[in-house]
């Protein structure tokens, strides 16, 4: 069954999996998406702190 991404927690879980697999850039991108889907600013900041680094998004 394919994994669904309906909640911020889904993105956090995937970010942790990617970090454990040695893929920190992908983990950071997933964490940024989780933070965006989190209404509480303090919680969003904690999510990003768990996956440190600059934003890797290419907006445009």
N, C-alpha and C. Protein backbone atom coordinates (compact mmCIF):
# COMPACT_ATOMS: atom_id res chain seq x y z
N UNK A 1 0.84 -1.17 0.00
CA UNK A 1 0.00 0.00 0.00
C UNK A 1 0.90 1.25 0.00
N UNK A 2 0.65 2.19 -0.90
CA UNK A 2 1.48 3.40 -0.94
C UNK A 2 1.23 4.28 0.28
N UNK A 3 2.27 4.98 0.68
CA UNK A 3 2.16 5.87 1.83
C UNK A 3 1.44 7.14 1.41
N UNK A 4 0.52 7.60 2.24
CA UNK A 4 -0.18 8.85 1.97
C UNK A 4 0.39 9.96 2.83
N UNK A 5 0.30 11.16 2.34
CA UNK A 5 0.80 12.32 3.05
C UNK A 5 -0.36 13.29 3.24
N UNK A 6 -1.13 13.04 4.29
CA UNK A 6 -2.30 13.86 4.58
C UNK A 6 -2.08 14.81 5.75
N UNK A 7 -1.09 14.52 6.57
CA UNK A 7 -0.88 15.29 7.80
C UNK A 7 0.59 15.66 7.93
N UNK A 8 0.85 16.67 8.75
CA UNK A 8 2.24 17.06 9.01
C UNK A 8 3.02 15.88 9.57
N UNK A 9 2.37 15.07 10.40
CA UNK A 9 3.05 13.92 11.00
C UNK A 9 3.55 12.94 9.94
N UNK A 10 2.83 12.83 8.83
CA UNK A 10 3.27 11.95 7.75
C UNK A 10 4.59 12.44 7.16
N UNK A 11 4.70 13.75 7.00
CA UNK A 11 5.93 14.32 6.47
C UNK A 11 7.08 14.19 7.47
N UNK A 12 6.78 14.35 8.74
CA UNK A 12 7.82 14.21 9.77
C UNK A 12 8.33 12.77 9.79
N UNK A 13 7.42 11.81 9.74
CA UNK A 13 7.83 10.40 9.71
C UNK A 13 8.73 10.12 8.52
N UNK A 14 8.34 10.63 7.36
CA UNK A 14 9.15 10.42 6.16
C UNK A 14 10.50 11.13 6.29
N UNK A 15 10.51 12.30 6.89
CA UNK A 15 11.77 13.03 7.09
C UNK A 15 12.71 12.23 7.99
N UNK A 16 12.18 11.65 9.03
CA UNK A 16 13.00 10.84 9.93
C UNK A 16 13.55 9.61 9.21
N UNK A 17 12.74 9.01 8.36
CA UNK A 17 13.20 7.86 7.58
C UNK A 17 14.34 8.26 6.65
N UNK A 18 14.21 9.40 6.00
CA UNK A 18 15.24 9.86 5.08
C UNK A 18 16.52 10.23 5.84
N UNK A 19 16.38 10.83 6.99
CA UNK A 19 17.56 11.16 7.80
C UNK A 19 18.28 9.89 8.22
N UNK A 20 17.52 8.88 8.63
CA UNK A 20 18.11 7.61 9.04
C UNK A 20 18.79 6.90 7.86
N UNK A 21 18.28 7.15 6.66
CA UNK A 21 18.85 6.53 5.46
C UNK A 21 20.02 7.33 4.89
N UNK A 22 20.41 8.40 5.59
CA UNK A 22 21.55 9.20 5.14
C UNK A 22 21.20 10.17 4.02
N UNK A 23 19.97 10.61 3.98
CA UNK A 23 19.53 11.54 2.94
C UNK A 23 19.07 12.84 3.60
N UNK A 24 20.01 13.62 4.16
CA UNK A 24 19.63 14.82 4.93
C UNK A 24 18.94 15.89 4.11
N UNK A 25 19.28 16.05 2.84
CA UNK A 25 18.65 17.08 2.03
C UNK A 25 17.16 16.78 1.84
N UNK A 26 16.85 15.53 1.54
CA UNK A 26 15.45 15.16 1.38
C UNK A 26 14.72 15.24 2.72
N UNK A 27 15.40 14.87 3.79
CA UNK A 27 14.80 14.98 5.12
C UNK A 27 14.45 16.42 5.42
N UNK A 28 15.32 17.35 5.08
CA UNK A 28 15.07 18.77 5.33
C UNK A 28 13.86 19.25 4.52
N UNK A 29 13.78 18.87 3.26
CA UNK A 29 12.64 19.28 2.44
C UNK A 29 11.32 18.76 3.01
N UNK A 30 11.31 17.52 3.44
CA UNK A 30 10.11 16.96 4.05
C UNK A 30 9.76 17.66 5.36
N UNK A 31 10.77 18.00 6.13
CA UNK A 31 10.55 18.72 7.39
C UNK A 31 9.98 20.11 7.11
N UNK A 32 10.46 20.77 6.07
CA UNK A 32 9.93 22.09 5.72
C UNK A 32 8.46 21.99 5.35
N UNK A 33 8.10 20.95 4.63
CA UNK A 33 6.69 20.76 4.27
C UNK A 33 5.86 20.49 5.52
N UNK A 34 6.38 19.69 6.43
CA UNK A 34 5.66 19.43 7.69
C UNK A 34 5.47 20.72 8.46
N UNK A 35 6.50 21.55 8.53
CA UNK A 35 6.41 22.81 9.25
C UNK A 35 5.37 23.72 8.61
N UNK A 36 5.32 23.74 7.29
CA UNK A 36 4.32 24.56 6.59
C UNK A 36 2.90 24.11 6.90
N UNK A 37 2.72 22.84 7.16
CA UNK A 37 1.39 22.29 7.43
C UNK A 37 1.03 22.34 8.91
N UNK A 38 1.90 22.90 9.72
CA UNK A 38 1.69 22.98 11.16
C UNK A 38 1.22 24.38 11.52
N UNK A 39 0.02 24.53 12.08
CA UNK A 39 -0.49 25.87 12.36
C UNK A 39 0.23 26.59 13.50
N UNK A 40 0.83 25.87 14.41
CA UNK A 40 1.49 26.48 15.56
C UNK A 40 2.95 26.80 15.22
N UNK A 41 3.32 28.07 15.35
CA UNK A 41 4.66 28.52 14.97
C UNK A 41 5.75 27.87 15.83
N UNK A 42 5.49 27.66 17.10
CA UNK A 42 6.49 27.04 17.97
C UNK A 42 6.74 25.58 17.58
N UNK A 43 5.68 24.88 17.26
CA UNK A 43 5.82 23.49 16.82
C UNK A 43 6.56 23.43 15.49
N UNK A 44 6.23 24.33 14.59
CA UNK A 44 6.91 24.37 13.29
C UNK A 44 8.41 24.62 13.48
N UNK A 45 8.75 25.51 14.39
CA UNK A 45 10.17 25.80 14.67
C UNK A 45 10.87 24.57 15.23
N UNK A 46 10.20 23.82 16.09
CA UNK A 46 10.80 22.59 16.65
C UNK A 46 11.02 21.55 15.56
N UNK A 47 10.08 21.46 14.62
CA UNK A 47 10.25 20.51 13.51
C UNK A 47 11.49 20.86 12.72
N UNK A 48 11.64 22.13 12.36
CA UNK A 48 12.80 22.54 11.57
C UNK A 48 14.11 22.39 12.35
N UNK A 49 14.06 22.59 13.66
CA UNK A 49 15.26 22.43 14.49
C UNK A 49 15.73 20.97 14.51
N UNK A 50 14.80 20.05 14.36
CA UNK A 50 15.17 18.63 14.35
C UNK A 50 15.95 18.26 13.09
N UNK A 51 15.75 19.05 12.04
CA UNK A 51 16.41 18.81 10.75
C UNK A 51 17.12 20.10 10.33
N UNK A 52 18.25 20.41 10.95
CA UNK A 52 18.92 21.70 10.71
C UNK A 52 19.48 21.83 9.31
N UNK A 53 19.66 23.05 8.93
CA UNK A 53 20.26 23.35 7.63
C UNK A 53 19.48 24.43 6.93
N UNK A 54 20.06 24.98 5.90
CA UNK A 54 19.37 26.01 5.14
C UNK A 54 18.24 25.41 4.30
N UNK A 55 17.31 26.26 3.94
CA UNK A 55 16.23 25.80 3.08
C UNK A 55 16.80 25.39 1.73
N UNK A 56 16.29 24.31 1.21
CA UNK A 56 16.74 23.79 -0.08
C UNK A 56 15.69 23.97 -1.16
N UNK A 57 14.62 24.66 -0.82
CA UNK A 57 13.52 24.86 -1.76
C UNK A 57 13.94 25.83 -2.87
N UNK A 58 13.41 25.56 -4.02
CA UNK A 58 13.60 26.46 -5.15
C UNK A 58 12.25 27.03 -5.50
N UNK A 59 11.98 28.18 -4.94
CA UNK A 59 10.70 28.83 -5.19
C UNK A 59 10.74 29.52 -6.54
N UNK A 60 9.61 29.58 -7.17
CA UNK A 60 9.62 30.33 -8.41
C UNK A 60 8.60 29.86 -9.30
